[in-house]
Amino acid sequence: MEIGLIVYGSLDIVSGGYMYDRHLVRALRERGHQVRVYALPRTSYARHMTHNITPSLYKSLVQAPVQLWLQDELNHPSLFLVNRALRRRVPVASIVHHLRLDEDAPRGLRLLYRYVERAYLRTVHGFIFNSRTTRQRVHRVLGYSPPGQVAYPGADHLWEDMPTPPNPPISPEAIRTRAHASGPLRVLFIGNVIPRKRLDTLILALRHMPAKTATVDVVGRTDVHPRYTERIRHLLHRHDLVEDVHFHGYLPPAALRSLLERSHVLVIPSQYEGFGIAYLEGMAYGLPAIAGHRGAAAEIISPGENGFLVSPDDPCPLAEYLHYLHRRRHVLAEMGIAALERYRRHPTWEESMSQASTWLETFVRTGEGLL
């Protein structure tokens, strides 16, 4: 089958969504399908909308020799009108990581996002969802239940560069030993430094804890949202926390694995996550996860068992949980072991993407949902 995948920029961009798309492309190609990537230029939301009336882009997509259009849903502003023509020629399927309208934005922008995103979703015949939560959100926005398949992201990509991946990557005994070692609580934050990930909430939580009881390692790019990064640095200086928070930028797999092994707890108090691959990455190394309560984190985290859910806007409960884990190292150890078990129950990338590929093949063959 000839498949056209539409993404912004390059499929090599480092983020959970692009990682998902790469794994799906790999699975489809391994099953003998031809997948061609159609990369649209990354720009502002408003300029993305003008793609719909760009003659050269319209012509290249309408005339493309494909049997299935597979689109990353975050491309919706570029496609909400174009898809009306595309869907008359071949089936259109969309990979939904999370909806733009679920992100924080001024009311006027959220109304625009809702109008454009809903218009786009109505042009799609079927969906690949990264979580049950994402599926429910799409159904709620549309007002009906279109054909689709939930295929969870995996986390076993952490060992793709190793000839023999460890299984498990850490033992319960090692988790206990790490938890009871003396010193401050070692907190890990994985994610680009952008407002949605709410690193500011974590930093303000440190301010509410006794001095030198926790350190934070930040893994992720700091150049994606320069104004927010500057705000973070201002907070660190203002509250005398510069020496307690360490920025590593993007880390290759081996360096990330080393940091995961040394950390105690993973904290990403996001405003919203359609899934949250990083939570599983931490659990693979026995790290309890603390996440924002909105979105799909609740599909991974069982509060009080392998982590906690908090308000992304209130640092006080987060500070209380961190101080609790610092003082109760036996609880930290048991929650870490529970986190490892949660990771081991989760499907691998191969299992999830095989499920997604099978659904796409059946979707095209049977014409399910096509009008």
Protein backbone atom coordinates (compact mmCIF):
# COMPACT_ATOMS: atom_id res chain seq x y z
CA MET A 1 0.00 0.00 0.00
CA GLU A 2 1.21 3.51 -0.84
CA ILE A 3 0.86 5.69 2.26
CA GLY A 4 1.47 9.42 2.56
CA LEU A 5 2.36 10.70 6.03
CA ILE A 6 1.92 14.44 6.68
CA VAL A 7 3.98 16.04 9.45
CA TYR A 8 5.41 19.44 10.25
CA GLY A 9 9.13 19.91 9.76
CA SER A 10 11.06 16.65 9.92
CA LEU A 11 10.17 13.22 11.21
CA ASP A 12 13.49 13.32 13.09
CA ILE A 13 12.36 16.05 15.52
CA VAL A 14 12.93 15.02 19.14
CA SER A 15 9.57 14.79 20.94
CA GLY A 16 7.18 12.09 22.05
CA GLY A 17 4.77 12.74 19.18
CA TYR A 18 7.41 12.49 16.47
CA MET A 19 8.84 9.40 18.15
CA TYR A 20 5.39 7.81 17.92
CA ASP A 21 5.13 8.69 14.23
CA ARG A 22 8.60 7.25 13.54
CA HIS A 23 7.75 3.95 15.20
CA LEU A 24 4.50 3.67 13.26
CA VAL A 25 6.29 4.38 9.97
CA ARG A 26 8.87 1.72 10.80
CA ALA A 27 6.17 -0.84 11.57
CA LEU A 28 4.31 -0.11 8.33
CA ARG A 29 7.46 -0.36 6.25
CA GLU A 30 8.42 -3.65 7.90
CA ARG A 31 5.04 -5.00 6.78
CA GLY A 32 5.86 -4.10 3.16
CA HIS A 33 4.02 -0.78 2.84
CA GLN A 34 5.58 2.18 1.07
CA VAL A 35 5.47 5.27 3.29
CA ARG A 36 6.40 8.67 1.90
CA VAL A 37 6.74 11.59 4.30
CA TYR A 38 5.20 14.90 3.20
CA ALA A 39 6.82 17.53 5.43
CA LEU A 40 4.98 20.84 5.75
CA PRO A 41 6.91 23.94 6.88
CA ARG A 42 6.72 24.71 10.61
CA THR A 43 5.53 28.23 11.33
CA SER A 44 2.82 30.03 13.31
CA TYR A 45 -0.73 28.75 13.68
CA ALA A 46 -2.07 31.57 11.49
CA ARG A 47 0.44 30.86 8.72
CA HIS A 48 -0.33 27.18 8.92
CA MET A 49 -3.93 28.03 8.12
CA THR A 50 -2.82 29.74 4.88
CA HIS A 51 -1.49 26.38 3.65
CA ASN A 52 -5.11 25.54 2.81
CA ILE A 53 -5.15 28.21 0.10
CA THR A 54 -1.61 27.73 -1.19
CA PRO A 55 -2.07 26.45 -4.77
CA SER A 56 1.24 24.57 -5.02
CA LEU A 57 0.69 22.72 -1.75
CA TYR A 58 -2.93 21.93 -2.58
CA LYS A 59 -1.95 20.54 -5.99
CA SER A 60 0.93 18.42 -4.63
CA LEU A 61 -1.30 16.78 -2.05
CA VAL A 62 -4.37 16.24 -4.22
CA GLN A 63 -2.29 14.69 -6.99
CA ALA A 64 -0.06 12.59 -4.72
CA PRO A 65 0.00 8.88 -5.69
CA VAL A 66 -1.18 7.49 -2.34
CA GLN A 67 -3.79 4.96 -1.28
CA LEU A 68 -4.02 6.25 2.29
CA TRP A 69 -3.35 9.62 3.87
CA LEU A 70 -1.93 9.30 7.37
CA GLN A 71 -1.76 12.66 9.11
CA ASP A 72 -0.33 13.82 12.41
CA GLU A 73 -3.31 15.62 13.94
CA LEU A 74 -1.15 18.55 15.06
CA ASN A 75 -1.07 19.49 11.35
CA HIS A 76 -4.79 20.25 11.50
CA PRO A 77 -4.57 24.02 10.80
CA SER A 78 -2.84 23.26 7.48
CA LEU A 79 -5.39 20.63 6.45
CA PHE A 80 -8.84 21.53 7.75
CA LEU A 81 -9.91 22.75 4.28
CA VAL A 82 -7.55 20.74 2.06
CA ASN A 83 -8.87 17.51 3.55
CA ARG A 84 -12.26 18.10 1.96
CA ALA A 85 -10.62 17.33 -1.37
CA LEU A 86 -8.26 14.63 -0.12
CA ARG A 87 -11.00 12.56 1.55
CA ARG A 88 -12.93 12.31 -1.72
CA ARG A 89 -10.00 10.50 -3.34
CA VAL A 90 -8.58 8.15 -0.68
CA PRO A 91 -9.14 7.28 3.00
CA VAL A 92 -7.79 9.77 5.53
CA ALA A 93 -6.55 8.61 8.95
CA SER A 94 -5.20 10.87 11.69
CA ILE A 95 -2.73 10.13 14.50
CA VAL A 96 -3.94 12.05 17.56
CA HIS A 97 -1.44 12.74 20.36
CA HIS A 98 -3.46 15.47 22.06
CA LEU A 99 -5.79 18.23 20.95
CA ARG A 100 -4.49 21.77 20.61
CA LEU A 101 -7.64 23.12 22.23
CA ASP A 102 -6.63 21.34 25.45
CA GLU A 103 -3.55 23.53 25.81
CA ASP A 104 -3.54 26.77 27.80
CA ALA A 105 -4.30 29.79 25.61
CA PRO A 106 -6.25 33.07 25.77
CA ARG A 107 -9.99 32.61 25.32
CA GLY A 108 -10.03 34.06 21.80
CA LEU A 109 -7.33 31.67 20.62
CA ARG A 110 -9.02 28.70 22.26
CA LEU A 111 -12.22 29.51 20.35
CA LEU A 112 -10.20 29.61 17.12
CA TYR A 113 -8.46 26.33 17.95
CA ARG A 114 -11.79 24.70 18.71
CA TYR A 115 -13.39 25.85 15.45
CA VAL A 116 -10.44 24.88 13.22
CA GLU A 117 -9.62 21.64 15.03
CA ARG A 118 -13.23 20.46 15.05
CA ALA A 119 -13.54 21.28 11.34
CA TYR A 120 -10.42 19.20 10.68
CA LEU A 121 -11.55 16.24 12.79
CA ARG A 122 -14.80 16.10 10.80
CA THR A 123 -12.81 15.55 7.57
CA VAL A 124 -11.04 12.46 8.91
CA HIS A 125 -12.38 8.96 8.26
CA GLY A 126 -10.58 7.14 11.09
CA PHE A 127 -8.13 7.68 13.94
CA ILE A 128 -5.12 6.23 15.73
CA PHE A 129 -5.27 7.40 19.36
CA ASN A 130 -2.32 7.32 21.77
CA SER A 131 -4.60 6.80 24.80
CA ARG A 132 -8.18 6.17 25.86
CA THR A 133 -8.26 9.73 27.20
CA THR A 134 -7.37 11.14 23.78
CA ARG A 135 -10.07 9.01 22.15
CA GLN A 136 -12.66 10.28 24.63
CA ARG A 137 -11.65 13.89 23.99
CA VAL A 138 -12.00 13.51 20.22
CA HIS A 139 -15.37 11.82 20.61
CA ARG A 140 -16.55 14.62 22.88
CA VAL A 141 -15.45 17.35 20.46
CA LEU A 142 -17.05 15.63 17.48
CA GLY A 143 -20.22 14.59 19.25
CA TYR A 144 -20.01 11.06 17.81
CA SER A 145 -17.66 8.06 17.84
CA PRO A 146 -15.70 7.64 14.58
CA PRO A 147 -13.73 4.48 13.75
CA GLY A 148 -10.41 4.32 15.53
CA GLN A 149 -7.81 2.33 17.42
CA VAL A 150 -6.01 3.08 20.68
CA ALA A 151 -2.32 2.16 20.38
CA TYR A 152 -0.25 3.18 23.38
CA PRO A 153 3.29 4.51 23.02
CA GLY A 154 5.98 2.21 24.36
CA ALA A 155 9.09 3.07 26.36
CA ASP A 156 11.51 0.35 25.25
CA HIS A 157 13.14 2.80 22.80
CA LEU A 158 15.52 3.62 25.66
CA TRP A 159 17.57 0.55 24.73
CA GLU A 160 17.35 0.57 20.94
CA ASP A 161 21.09 1.30 20.70
CA MET A 162 21.96 -1.79 22.75
CA PRO A 163 22.45 -5.26 21.15
CA THR A 164 20.88 -6.98 24.18
CA PRO A 165 18.32 -4.81 26.00
CA PRO A 166 18.19 -5.36 29.78
CA ASN A 167 15.11 -7.07 31.15
CA PRO A 168 14.35 -5.59 33.58
CA PRO A 169 16.60 -2.49 33.35
CA ILE A 170 16.83 -2.30 37.16
CA SER A 171 16.18 -4.77 39.98
CA PRO A 172 13.96 -4.26 43.02
CA GLU A 173 17.07 -4.62 45.20
CA ALA A 174 18.80 -1.78 43.32
CA ILE A 175 15.70 0.41 43.73
CA ARG A 176 15.72 -0.16 47.49
CA THR A 177 19.45 0.54 47.78
CA ARG A 178 19.11 3.76 45.79
CA ALA A 179 16.12 4.94 47.82
CA HIS A 180 17.89 4.52 51.16
CA ALA A 181 21.14 6.21 50.13
CA SER A 182 21.82 9.39 52.08
CA GLY A 183 21.54 12.83 50.54
CA PRO A 184 18.82 14.96 48.97
CA LEU A 185 15.95 13.60 46.91
CA ARG A 186 17.10 13.50 43.28
CA VAL A 187 14.23 14.72 41.10
CA LEU A 188 14.24 14.24 37.31
CA PHE A 189 12.28 16.37 34.83
CA ILE A 190 12.17 15.13 31.21
CA GLY A 191 10.70 17.44 28.57
CA ASN A 192 11.45 20.53 26.56
CA VAL A 193 11.31 23.71 28.63
CA ILE A 194 7.93 24.98 27.44
CA PRO A 195 4.94 26.39 29.37
CA ARG A 196 2.78 23.26 28.98
CA LYS A 197 5.27 21.10 30.89
CA ARG A 198 5.13 23.46 33.92
CA LEU A 199 8.72 23.33 35.08
CA ASP A 200 7.94 26.56 36.93
CA THR A 201 5.57 24.66 39.23
CA LEU A 202 8.34 22.22 40.12
CA ILE A 203 10.79 25.04 40.83
CA LEU A 204 8.28 26.82 43.05
CA ALA A 205 7.71 23.52 44.87
CA LEU A 206 11.42 23.49 45.79
CA ARG A 207 10.91 26.91 47.35
CA HIS A 208 8.30 25.40 49.71
CA MET A 209 10.64 22.62 50.85
CA PRO A 210 13.41 22.78 53.47
CA ALA A 211 16.67 23.95 51.89
CA LYS A 212 18.87 21.32 50.23
CA THR A 213 16.37 18.48 50.59
CA ALA A 214 15.98 18.02 46.82
CA THR A 215 17.87 18.61 43.58
CA VAL A 216 16.40 18.71 40.07
CA ASP A 217 17.91 17.52 36.79
CA VAL A 218 16.20 18.93 33.68
CA VAL A 219 16.54 16.93 30.44
CA GLY A 220 15.19 18.73 27.38
CA ARG A 221 15.81 21.59 25.04
CA THR A 222 15.83 25.12 26.44
CA ASP A 223 15.62 26.94 23.09
CA VAL A 224 12.07 25.98 22.07
CA HIS A 225 10.40 28.79 24.03
CA PRO A 226 13.11 31.37 24.94
CA ARG A 227 10.78 33.68 26.91
CA TYR A 228 9.63 30.84 29.15
CA THR A 229 13.22 29.65 29.63
CA GLU A 230 14.16 33.16 30.71
CA ARG A 231 11.30 33.12 33.20
CA ILE A 232 12.60 29.85 34.63
CA ARG A 233 16.10 31.25 35.06
CA HIS A 234 14.64 34.34 36.73
CA LEU A 235 12.76 32.13 39.22
CA LEU A 236 15.95 30.23 40.03
CA HIS A 237 17.89 33.41 40.77
CA ARG A 238 15.02 35.02 42.66
CA HIS A 239 14.62 32.06 45.03
CA ASP A 240 18.32 31.18 45.29
CA LEU A 241 17.87 27.78 43.64
CA VAL A 242 20.46 28.04 40.85
CA GLU A 243 22.74 25.45 42.45
CA ASP A 244 19.86 23.01 43.00
CA VAL A 245 18.61 22.79 39.39
CA HIS A 246 20.84 21.44 36.62
CA PHE A 247 20.06 21.73 32.90
CA HIS A 248 21.37 18.96 30.65
CA GLY A 249 19.70 19.82 27.34
CA TYR A 250 18.93 16.88 25.05
CA LEU A 251 20.70 13.70 26.17
CA PRO A 252 21.52 10.68 24.00
CA PRO A 253 20.08 7.35 25.22
CA ALA A 254 23.14 6.17 27.17
CA ALA A 255 23.43 9.43 29.12
CA LEU A 256 19.69 9.48 29.82
CA ARG A 257 19.78 5.90 31.09
CA SER A 258 22.62 6.81 33.45
CA LEU A 259 20.64 9.75 34.84
CA LEU A 260 17.51 7.62 35.23
CA GLU A 261 19.51 5.07 37.21
CA ARG A 262 20.71 7.76 39.64
CA SER A 263 17.39 9.57 40.14
CA HIS A 264 14.71 8.95 42.79
CA VAL A 265 11.49 10.36 41.32
CA LEU A 266 10.25 11.71 37.98
CA VAL A 267 8.25 14.94 38.11
CA ILE A 268 6.54 16.53 35.09
CA PRO A 269 3.51 18.52 36.37
CA SER A 270 2.21 19.19 32.86
CA GLN A 271 -0.83 21.32 32.20
CA TYR A 272 -2.00 18.53 29.85
CA GLU A 273 -0.60 15.30 28.41
CA GLY A 274 -2.28 13.19 25.75
CA PHE A 275 -0.24 10.29 27.13
CA GLY A 276 3.21 11.03 28.61
CA ILE A 277 5.94 8.66 27.38
CA ALA A 278 8.41 10.16 29.86
CA TYR A 279 6.40 8.83 32.82
CA LEU A 280 6.94 5.30 31.52
CA GLU A 281 10.62 6.01 30.86
CA GLY A 282 11.01 6.86 34.52
CA MET A 283 9.00 3.85 35.68
CA ALA A 284 11.28 1.57 33.65
CA TYR A 285 14.00 2.58 36.13
CA GLY A 286 11.80 2.37 39.20
CA LEU A 287 11.00 6.07 39.53
CA PRO A 288 7.60 6.97 40.99
CA ALA A 289 6.00 9.54 38.69
CA ILE A 290 4.34 12.80 39.69
CA ALA A 291 2.21 14.33 36.92
CA GLY A 292 -0.43 16.94 36.29
CA HIS A 293 -3.92 15.58 36.92
CA ARG A 294 -5.35 16.55 33.52
CA GLY A 295 -5.01 14.29 30.51
CA ALA A 296 -3.95 10.67 30.26
CA ALA A 297 -1.43 10.50 33.11
CA ALA A 298 -4.10 8.74 35.17
CA GLU A 299 -3.91 5.83 32.70
CA ILE A 300 -0.30 5.28 33.83
CA ILE A 301 -0.16 6.55 37.41
CA SER A 302 -2.09 5.05 40.31
CA PRO A 303 -1.93 7.75 43.01
CA GLY A 304 -0.27 6.54 46.20
CA GLU A 305 0.88 3.32 44.52
CA ASN A 306 3.40 4.26 41.83
CA GLY A 307 3.18 8.07 41.88
CA PHE A 308 0.90 11.04 42.44
CA LEU A 309 -1.31 13.40 40.43
CA VAL A 310 -1.20 17.12 41.24
CA SER A 311 -2.59 20.41 40.04
CA PRO A 312 -0.16 21.92 37.52
CA ASP A 313 -0.90 25.37 38.96
CA ASP A 314 -0.30 24.70 42.67
CA PRO A 315 3.26 23.95 43.85
CA CYS A 316 2.29 23.31 47.48
CA PRO A 317 0.87 19.75 47.14
CA LEU A 318 3.82 18.85 44.92
CA ALA A 319 6.22 20.12 47.59
CA GLU A 320 4.40 18.04 50.21
CA TYR A 321 4.69 14.86 48.13
CA LEU A 322 8.38 15.43 47.45
CA HIS A 323 9.15 16.14 51.09
CA TYR A 324 7.15 13.05 52.08
CA LEU A 325 9.19 10.83 49.73
CA HIS A 326 12.42 12.40 50.98
CA ARG A 327 11.53 11.63 54.62
CA ARG A 328 9.91 8.21 54.00
CA ARG A 329 12.57 6.39 52.03
CA HIS A 330 10.91 3.01 52.55
CA VAL A 331 7.79 4.41 50.84
CA LEU A 332 9.96 5.77 48.03
CA ALA A 333 11.43 2.30 47.54
CA GLU A 334 8.08 0.48 47.50
CA MET A 335 6.54 3.01 45.12
CA GLY A 336 9.59 2.64 42.87
CA ILE A 337 9.13 -1.14 42.74
CA ALA A 338 5.43 -0.65 41.93
CA ALA A 339 6.44 1.77 39.15
CA LEU A 340 8.77 -0.84 37.66
CA GLU A 341 5.97 -3.41 37.70
CA ARG A 342 3.65 -0.93 35.95
CA TYR A 343 6.25 -0.48 33.22
CA ARG A 344 6.67 -4.24 32.77
CA ARG A 345 2.91 -4.64 32.18
CA HIS A 346 2.93 -1.99 29.43
CA PRO A 347 3.05 -3.03 25.74
CA THR A 348 6.25 -2.56 23.76
CA TRP A 349 6.49 -0.31 20.70
CA GLU A 350 6.45 -3.39 18.49
CA GLU A 351 3.25 -4.69 20.06
CA SER A 352 1.43 -1.34 19.93
CA MET A 353 2.51 -0.37 16.42
CA SER A 354 1.65 -3.84 15.11
CA GLN A 355 -1.85 -3.30 16.50
CA ALA A 356 -2.06 0.13 14.85
CA SER A 357 -0.77 -1.19 11.52
CA THR A 358 -3.25 -4.07 11.51
CA TRP A 359 -6.09 -1.65 12.18
CA LEU A 360 -5.00 0.65 9.33
CA GLU A 361 -4.83 -2.29 6.90
CA THR A 362 -8.33 -3.42 7.88
CA PHE A 363 -9.59 0.17 7.80
CA VAL A 364 -8.48 0.64 4.18
CA ARG A 365 -9.50 -2.84 3.03
CA THR A 366 -13.03 -2.66 4.44
CA GLY A 367 -13.63 1.04 3.91
CA GLU A 368 -14.82 1.43 7.52
CA GLY A 369 -16.07 4.93 8.20
CA LEU A 370 -15.66 6.16 4.62
CA LEU A 371 -18.47 8.35 3.31
